[in-house]
Amino acid sequence: MPTWTLQEARDNLAIWKQALTAVSTGQAYTIAGRSLTRVNIKDIQGMIEYFGKEIDKLEAAAAGRPLRRMRQYVPRDL
């Protein structure tokens, strides 16, 4: 059973894209002695990539397409 539904994955992707936009305007700031530090931009980009892949997997499963997987074999001479 998948961890996310397709709609949840799309919603989370949208949220992380909004977070990327917010971080691009300033990583940290202080107002009236209170400070706010946002998540590292690398973490946000990682989550955007993760949810993008999750959406691809869920859409492939919904369409009945197999997931593309790459396998590597190393020939050995016994």
PDB file of N, CA and C in Angstrom:
ATOM      1  N   MET A   1       0.844  -1.182   0.000  1.00  0.00           N
ATOM      2  CA  MET A   1       0.000   0.000   0.000  1.00  0.00           C
ATOM      3  C   MET A   1       0.886   1.241   0.000  1.00  0.00           C
ATOM      4  N   PRO A   2       0.609   2.193  -0.891  1.00  0.00           N
ATOM      5  CA  PRO A   2       1.434   3.404  -0.958  1.00  0.00           C
ATOM      6  C   PRO A   2       1.307   4.254   0.306  1.00  0.00           C
ATOM      7  N   THR A   3       2.346   4.978   0.577  1.00  0.00           N
ATOM      8  CA  THR A   3       2.362   5.874   1.723  1.00  0.00           C
ATOM      9  C   THR A   3       1.454   7.081   1.497  1.00  0.00           C
ATOM     10  N   TRP A   4       1.396   7.538   0.255  1.00  0.00           N
ATOM     11  CA  TRP A   4       0.644   8.737  -0.091  1.00  0.00           C
ATOM     12  C   TRP A   4      -0.395   8.401  -1.143  1.00  0.00           C
ATOM     13  N   THR A   5      -1.482   9.151  -1.140  1.00  0.00           N
ATOM     14  CA  THR A   5      -2.375   9.114  -2.291  1.00  0.00           C
ATOM     15  C   THR A   5      -1.802  10.110  -3.298  1.00  0.00           C
ATOM     16  N   LEU A   6      -2.265  10.016  -4.529  1.00  0.00           N
ATOM     17  CA  LEU A   6      -1.765  10.922  -5.566  1.00  0.00           C
ATOM     18  C   LEU A   6      -2.059  12.373  -5.202  1.00  0.00           C
ATOM     19  N   GLN A   7      -3.247  12.641  -4.683  1.00  0.00           N
ATOM     20  CA  GLN A   7      -3.601  14.015  -4.319  1.00  0.00           C
ATOM     21  C   GLN A   7      -2.756  14.525  -3.148  1.00  0.00           C
ATOM     22  N   GLU A   8      -2.500  13.671  -2.166  1.00  0.00           N
ATOM     23  CA  GLU A   8      -1.652  14.077  -1.037  1.00  0.00           C
ATOM     24  C   GLU A   8      -0.239  14.395  -1.510  1.00  0.00           C
ATOM     25  N   ALA A   9       0.274  13.584  -2.406  1.00  0.00           N
ATOM     26  CA  ALA A   9       1.617  13.833  -2.932  1.00  0.00           C
ATOM     27  C   ALA A   9       1.655  15.159  -3.692  1.00  0.00           C
ATOM     28  N   ARG A  10       0.631  15.423  -4.488  1.00  0.00           N
ATOM     29  CA  ARG A  10       0.573  16.699  -5.225  1.00  0.00           C
ATOM     30  C   ARG A  10       0.458  17.879  -4.262  1.00  0.00           C
ATOM     31  N   ASP A  11      -0.343  17.726  -3.220  1.00  0.00           N
ATOM     32  CA  ASP A  11      -0.484  18.797  -2.224  1.00  0.00           C
ATOM     33  C   ASP A  11       0.842  19.066  -1.519  1.00  0.00           C
ATOM     34  N   ASN A  12       1.534  17.993  -1.133  1.00  0.00           N
ATOM     35  CA  ASN A  12       2.825  18.156  -0.467  1.00  0.00           C
ATOM     36  C   ASN A  12       3.855  18.790  -1.391  1.00  0.00           C
ATOM     37  N   LEU A  13       3.838  18.415  -2.660  1.00  0.00           N
ATOM     38  CA  LEU A  13       4.757  19.026  -3.621  1.00  0.00           C
ATOM     39  C   LEU A  13       4.498  20.526  -3.713  1.00  0.00           C
ATOM     40  N   ALA A  14       3.235  20.916  -3.759  1.00  0.00           N
ATOM     41  CA  ALA A  14       2.880  22.337  -3.817  1.00  0.00           C
ATOM     42  C   ALA A  14       3.356  23.075  -2.564  1.00  0.00           C
ATOM     43  N   ILE A  15       3.214  22.445  -1.405  1.00  0.00           N
ATOM     44  CA  ILE A  15       3.656  23.059  -0.149  1.00  0.00           C
ATOM     45  C   ILE A  15       5.166  23.263  -0.154  1.00  0.00           C
ATOM     46  N   TRP A  16       5.911  22.243  -0.604  1.00  0.00           N
ATOM     47  CA  TRP A  16       7.365  22.368  -0.622  1.00  0.00           C
ATOM     48  C   TRP A  16       7.828  23.392  -1.656  1.00  0.00           C
ATOM     49  N   LYS A  17       7.080  23.540  -2.738  1.00  0.00           N
ATOM     50  CA  LYS A  17       7.422  24.584  -3.715  1.00  0.00           C
ATOM     51  C   LYS A  17       7.180  25.966  -3.122  1.00  0.00           C
ATOM     52  N   GLN A  18       6.122  26.105  -2.329  1.00  0.00           N
ATOM     53  CA  GLN A  18       5.875  27.374  -1.643  1.00  0.00           C
ATOM     54  C   GLN A  18       6.988  27.665  -0.637  1.00  0.00           C
ATOM     55  N   ALA A  19       7.463  26.622   0.032  1.00  0.00           N
ATOM     56  CA  ALA A  19       8.558  26.792   0.990  1.00  0.00           C
ATOM     57  C   ALA A  19       9.820  27.259   0.276  1.00  0.00           C
ATOM     58  N   LEU A  20      10.073  26.718  -0.911  1.00  0.00           N
ATOM     59  CA  LEU A  20      11.242  27.142  -1.687  1.00  0.00           C
ATOM     60  C   LEU A  20      11.142  28.621  -2.044  1.00  0.00           C
ATOM     61  N   THR A  21       9.940  29.049  -2.419  1.00  0.00           N
ATOM     62  CA  THR A  21       9.724  30.464  -2.731  1.00  0.00           C
ATOM     63  C   THR A  21       9.958  31.330  -1.490  1.00  0.00           C
ATOM     64  N   ALA A  22       9.465  30.882  -0.342  1.00  0.00           N
ATOM     65  CA  ALA A  22       9.633  31.650   0.894  1.00  0.00           C
ATOM     66  C   ALA A  22      11.101  31.749   1.288  1.00  0.00           C
ATOM     67  N   VAL A  23      11.841  30.664   1.143  1.00  0.00           N
ATOM     68  CA  VAL A  23      13.257  30.675   1.513  1.00  0.00           C
ATOM     69  C   VAL A  23      14.057  31.552   0.556  1.00  0.00           C
ATOM     70  N   SER A  24      13.620  31.625  -0.693  1.00  0.00           N
ATOM     71  CA  SER A  24      14.356  32.440  -1.655  1.00  0.00           C
ATOM     72  C   SER A  24      14.269  33.929  -1.326  1.00  0.00           C
ATOM     73  N   THR A  25      13.269  34.329  -0.532  1.00  0.00           N
ATOM     74  CA  THR A  25      13.161  35.733  -0.136  1.00  0.00           C
ATOM     75  C   THR A  25      13.972  36.048   1.118  1.00  0.00           C
ATOM     76  N   GLY A  26      14.437  35.028   1.816  1.00  0.00           N
ATOM     77  CA  GLY A  26      15.256  35.254   3.002  1.00  0.00           C
ATOM     78  C   GLY A  26      15.325  34.012   3.853  1.00  0.00           C
ATOM     79  N   GLN A  27      16.532  33.598   4.198  1.00  0.00           N
ATOM     80  CA  GLN A  27      16.726  32.381   4.985  1.00  0.00           C
ATOM     81  C   GLN A  27      16.336  32.600   6.446  1.00  0.00           C
ATOM     82  N   ALA A  28      16.655  33.769   6.976  1.00  0.00           N
ATOM     83  CA  ALA A  28      16.355  34.056   8.381  1.00  0.00           C
ATOM     84  C   ALA A  28      16.123  35.560   8.545  1.00  0.00           C
ATOM     85  N   TYR A  29      15.293  35.886   9.510  1.00  0.00           N
ATOM     86  CA  TYR A  29      15.087  37.299   9.815  1.00  0.00           C
ATOM     87  C   TYR A  29      14.649  37.461  11.249  1.00  0.00           C
ATOM     88  N   THR A  30      14.755  38.703  11.753  1.00  0.00           N
ATOM     89  CA  THR A  30      14.393  39.012  13.129  1.00  0.00           C
ATOM     90  C   THR A  30      13.434  40.192  13.133  1.00  0.00           C
ATOM     91  N   ILE A  31      12.364  40.060  13.903  1.00  0.00           N
ATOM     92  CA  ILE A  31      11.404  41.150  14.070  1.00  0.00           C
ATOM     93  C   ILE A  31      11.119  41.278  15.557  1.00  0.00           C
ATOM     94  N   ALA A  32      11.321  42.461  16.079  1.00  0.00           N
ATOM     95  CA  ALA A  32      11.026  42.771  17.480  1.00  0.00           C
ATOM     96  C   ALA A  32      11.668  41.763  18.439  1.00  0.00           C
ATOM     97  N   GLY A  33      12.902  41.403  18.163  1.00  0.00           N
ATOM     98  CA  GLY A  33      13.626  40.507  19.054  1.00  0.00           C
ATOM     99  C   GLY A  33      13.330  39.028  18.857  1.00  0.00           C
ATOM    100  N   ARG A  34      12.370  38.708  18.017  1.00  0.00           N
ATOM    101  CA  ARG A  34      12.050  37.309  17.721  1.00  0.00           C
ATOM    102  C   ARG A  34      12.633  36.963  16.359  1.00  0.00           C
ATOM    103  N   SER A  35      13.206  35.788  16.267  1.00  0.00           N
ATOM    104  CA  SER A  35      13.834  35.414  14.999  1.00  0.00           C
ATOM    105  C   SER A  35      13.193  34.172  14.403  1.00  0.00           C
ATOM    106  N   LEU A  36      13.288  34.082  13.094  1.00  0.00           N
ATOM    107  CA  LEU A  36      12.782  32.936  12.355  1.00  0.00           C
ATOM    108  C   LEU A  36      13.874  32.462  11.409  1.00  0.00           C
ATOM    109  N   THR A  37      14.194  31.196  11.471  1.00  0.00           N
ATOM    110  CA  THR A  37      15.153  30.597  10.557  1.00  0.00           C
ATOM    111  C   THR A  37      14.431  29.500   9.799  1.00  0.00           C
ATOM    112  N   ARG A  38      14.516  29.570   8.487  1.00  0.00           N
ATOM    113  CA  ARG A  38      13.812  28.601   7.660  1.00  0.00           C
ATOM    114  C   ARG A  38      14.694  27.390   7.384  1.00  0.00           C
ATOM    115  N   VAL A  39      14.074  26.341   6.864  1.00  0.00           N
ATOM    116  CA  VAL A  39      14.772  25.096   6.546  1.00  0.00           C
ATOM    117  C   VAL A  39      15.820  25.352   5.464  1.00  0.00           C
ATOM    118  N   ASN A  40      16.860  24.570   5.493  1.00  0.00           N
ATOM    119  CA  ASN A  40      17.918  24.667   4.508  1.00  0.00           C
ATOM    120  C   ASN A  40      17.358  24.417   3.109  1.00  0.00           C
ATOM    121  N   ILE A  41      17.803  25.201   2.143  1.00  0.00           N
ATOM    122  CA  ILE A  41      17.288  25.093   0.777  1.00  0.00           C
ATOM    123  C   ILE A  41      17.582  23.724   0.162  1.00  0.00           C
ATOM    124  N   LYS A  42      18.670  23.091   0.542  1.00  0.00           N
ATOM    125  CA  LYS A  42      19.001  21.749   0.029  1.00  0.00           C
ATOM    126  C   LYS A  42      17.965  20.729   0.500  1.00  0.00           C
ATOM    127  N   ASP A  43      17.507  20.858   1.732  1.00  0.00           N
ATOM    128  CA  ASP A  43      16.475  19.964   2.251  1.00  0.00           C
ATOM    129  C   ASP A  43      15.163  20.144   1.485  1.00  0.00           C
ATOM    130  N   ILE A  44      14.824  21.379   1.195  1.00  0.00           N
ATOM    131  CA  ILE A  44      13.601  21.667   0.456  1.00  0.00           C
ATOM    132  C   ILE A  44      13.688  21.093  -0.951  1.00  0.00           C
ATOM    133  N   GLN A  45      14.821  21.293  -1.610  1.00  0.00           N
ATOM    134  CA  GLN A  45      14.989  20.748  -2.956  1.00  0.00           C
ATOM    135  C   GLN A  45      14.915  19.222  -2.943  1.00  0.00           C
ATOM    136  N   GLY A  46      15.448  18.608  -1.912  1.00  0.00           N
ATOM    137  CA  GLY A  46      15.374  17.155  -1.781  1.00  0.00           C
ATOM    138  C   GLY A  46      13.934  16.680  -1.643  1.00  0.00           C
ATOM    139  N   MET A  47      13.131  17.400  -0.877  1.00  0.00           N
ATOM    140  CA  MET A  47      11.731  17.028  -0.701  1.00  0.00           C
ATOM    141  C   MET A  47      10.937  17.239  -1.992  1.00  0.00           C
ATOM    142  N   ILE A  48      11.254  18.285  -2.740  1.00  0.00           N
ATOM    143  CA  ILE A  48      10.587  18.514  -4.023  1.00  0.00           C
ATOM    144  C   ILE A  48      10.903  17.366  -4.976  1.00  0.00           C
ATOM    145  N   GLU A  49      12.149  16.954  -5.008  1.00  0.00           N
ATOM    146  CA  GLU A  49      12.545  15.828  -5.851  1.00  0.00           C
ATOM    147  C   GLU A  49      11.844  14.540  -5.396  1.00  0.00           C
ATOM    148  N   TYR A  50      11.794  14.309  -4.087  1.00  0.00           N
ATOM    149  CA  TYR A  50      11.146  13.117  -3.533  1.00  0.00           C
ATOM    150  C   TYR A  50       9.678  13.050  -3.938  1.00  0.00           C
ATOM    151  N   PHE A  51       8.938  14.152  -3.734  1.00  0.00           N
ATOM    152  CA  PHE A  51       7.518  14.134  -4.061  1.00  0.00           C
ATOM    153  C   PHE A  51       7.285  14.085  -5.567  1.00  0.00           C
ATOM    154  N   GLY A  52       8.193  14.642  -6.347  1.00  0.00           N
ATOM    155  CA  GLY A  52       8.088  14.505  -7.802  1.00  0.00           C
ATOM    156  C   GLY A  52       8.183  13.043  -8.222  1.00  0.00           C
ATOM    157  N   LYS A  53       9.113  12.315  -7.622  1.00  0.00           N
ATOM    158  CA  LYS A  53       9.259  10.887  -7.925  1.00  0.00           C
ATOM    159  C   LYS A  53       8.060  10.093  -7.421  1.00  0.00           C
ATOM    160  N   GLU A  54       7.548  10.447  -6.251  1.00  0.00           N
ATOM    161  CA  GLU A  54       6.373   9.762  -5.716  1.00  0.00           C
ATOM    162  C   GLU A  54       5.167   9.951  -6.644  1.00  0.00           C
ATOM    163  N   ILE A  55       4.999  11.162  -7.153  1.00  0.00           N
ATOM    164  CA  ILE A  55       3.897  11.436  -8.081  1.00  0.00           C
ATOM    165  C   ILE A  55       4.062  10.600  -9.348  1.00  0.00           C
ATOM    166  N   ASP A  56       5.282  10.525  -9.874  1.00  0.00           N
ATOM    167  CA  ASP A  56       5.535   9.704 -11.059  1.00  0.00           C
ATOM    168  C   ASP A  56       5.167   8.248 -10.808  1.00  0.00           C
ATOM    169  N   LYS A  57       5.558   7.719  -9.648  1.00  0.00           N
ATOM    170  CA  LYS A  57       5.251   6.326  -9.306  1.00  0.00           C
ATOM    171  C   LYS A  57       3.745   6.102  -9.203  1.00  0.00           C
ATOM    172  N   LEU A  58       3.058   7.012  -8.510  1.00  0.00           N
ATOM    173  CA  LEU A  58       1.615   6.861  -8.308  1.00  0.00           C
ATOM    174  C   LEU A  58       0.847   6.995  -9.619  1.00  0.00           C
ATOM    175  N   GLU A  59       1.283   7.922 -10.496  1.00  0.00           N
ATOM    176  CA  GLU A  59       0.627   8.072 -11.788  1.00  0.00           C
ATOM    177  C   GLU A  59       0.867   6.842 -12.656  1.00  0.00           C
ATOM    178  N   ALA A  60       2.068   6.279 -12.604  1.00  0.00           N
ATOM    179  CA  ALA A  60       2.373   5.067 -13.372  1.00  0.00           C
ATOM    180  C   ALA A  60       1.526   3.902 -12.876  1.00  0.00           C
ATOM    181  N   ALA A  61       1.382   3.780 -11.567  1.00  0.00           N
ATOM    182  CA  ALA A  61       0.575   2.699 -11.006  1.00  0.00           C
ATOM    183  C   ALA A  61      -0.896   2.870 -11.380  1.00  0.00           C
ATOM    184  N   ALA A  62      -1.390   4.096 -11.375  1.00  0.00           N
ATOM    185  CA  ALA A  62      -2.782   4.354 -11.711  1.00  0.00           C
ATOM    186  C   ALA A  62      -3.062   4.057 -13.189  1.00  0.00           C
ATOM    187  N   ALA A  63      -2.061   4.275 -14.038  1.00  0.00           N
ATOM    188  CA  ALA A  63      -2.218   4.038 -15.472  1.00  0.00           C
ATOM    189  C   ALA A  63      -1.918   2.586 -15.845  1.00  0.00           C
ATOM    190  N   GLY A  64      -1.471   1.800 -14.876  1.00  0.00           N
ATOM    191  CA  GLY A  64      -1.157   0.403 -15.142  1.00  0.00           C
ATOM    192  C   GLY A  64       0.183   0.187 -15.818  1.00  0.00           C
ATOM    193  N   ARG A  65       1.021   1.217 -15.820  1.00  0.00           N
ATOM    194  CA  ARG A  65       2.348   1.097 -16.424  1.00  0.00           C
ATOM    195  C   ARG A  65       3.323   0.574 -15.386  1.00  0.00           C
ATOM    196  N   PRO A  66       4.239  -0.269 -15.815  1.00  0.00           N
ATOM    197  CA  PRO A  66       5.266  -0.718 -14.868  1.00  0.00           C
ATOM    198  C   PRO A  66       6.251   0.410 -14.590  1.00  0.00           C
ATOM    199  N   LEU A  67       6.811   0.397 -13.410  1.00  0.00           N
ATOM    200  CA  LEU A  67       7.830   1.375 -13.072  1.00  0.00           C
ATOM    201  C   LEU A  67       9.114   1.046 -13.822  1.00  0.00           C
ATOM    202  N   ARG A  68       9.775   2.068 -14.293  1.00  0.00           N
ATOM    203  CA  ARG A  68      11.044   1.848 -14.979  1.00  0.00           C
ATOM    204  C   ARG A  68      12.118   1.574 -13.947  1.00  0.00           C
ATOM    205  N   ARG A  69      12.773   0.471 -14.113  1.00  0.00           N
ATOM    206  CA  ARG A  69      13.857   0.123 -13.197  1.00  0.00           C
ATOM    207  C   ARG A  69      15.068  -0.264 -14.014  1.00  0.00           C
ATOM    208  N   MET A  70      16.188   0.126 -13.532  1.00  0.00           N
ATOM    209  CA  MET A  70      17.421  -0.212 -14.212  1.00  0.00           C
ATOM    210  C   MET A  70      18.169  -1.218 -13.352  1.00  0.00           C
ATOM    211  N   ARG A  71      18.635  -2.248 -13.990  1.00  0.00           N
ATOM    212  CA  ARG A  71      19.418  -3.248 -13.287  1.00  0.00           C
ATOM    213  C   ARG A  71      20.759  -3.363 -13.951  1.00  0.00           C
ATOM    214  N   GLN A  72      21.741  -3.628 -13.154  1.00  0.00           N
ATOM    215  CA  GLN A  72      23.086  -3.766 -13.664  1.00  0.00           C
ATOM    216  C   GLN A  72      23.599  -5.146 -13.344  1.00  0.00           C
ATOM    217  N   TYR A  73      24.138  -5.793 -14.344  1.00  0.00           N
ATOM    218  CA  TYR A  73      24.700  -7.127 -14.157  1.00  0.00           C
ATOM    219  C   TYR A  73      26.175  -7.078 -14.481  1.00  0.00           C
ATOM    220  N   VAL A  74      26.943  -7.770 -13.686  1.00  0.00           N
ATOM    221  CA  VAL A  74      28.382  -7.831 -13.904  1.00  0.00           C
ATOM    222  C   VAL A  74      28.720  -9.262 -14.289  1.00  0.00           C
ATOM    223  N   PRO A  75      29.182  -9.440 -15.538  1.00  0.00           N
ATOM    224  CA  PRO A  75      29.555 -10.798 -15.944  1.00  0.00           C
ATOM    225  C   PRO A  75      30.785 -11.267 -15.165  1.00  0.00           C
ATOM    226  N   ARG A  76      30.745 -12.507 -14.764  1.00  0.00           N
ATOM    227  CA  ARG A  76      31.875 -13.054 -14.015  1.00  0.00           C
ATOM    228  C   ARG A  76      32.326 -14.352 -14.684  1.00  0.00           C
ATOM    229  N   ASP A  77      33.594 -14.509 -14.727  1.00  0.00           N
ATOM    230  CA  ASP A  77      34.156 -15.733 -15.272  1.00  0.00           C
ATOM    231  C   ASP A  77      34.527 -16.641 -14.095  1.00  0.00           C
ATOM    232  N   LEU A  78      33.796 -17.698 -13.932  1.00  0.00           N
ATOM    233  CA  LEU A  78      34.043 -18.577 -12.798  1.00  0.00           C
ATOM    234  C   LEU A  78      35.060 -19.567 -13.159  1.00  0.00           C
TER     235      LEU A  78
END
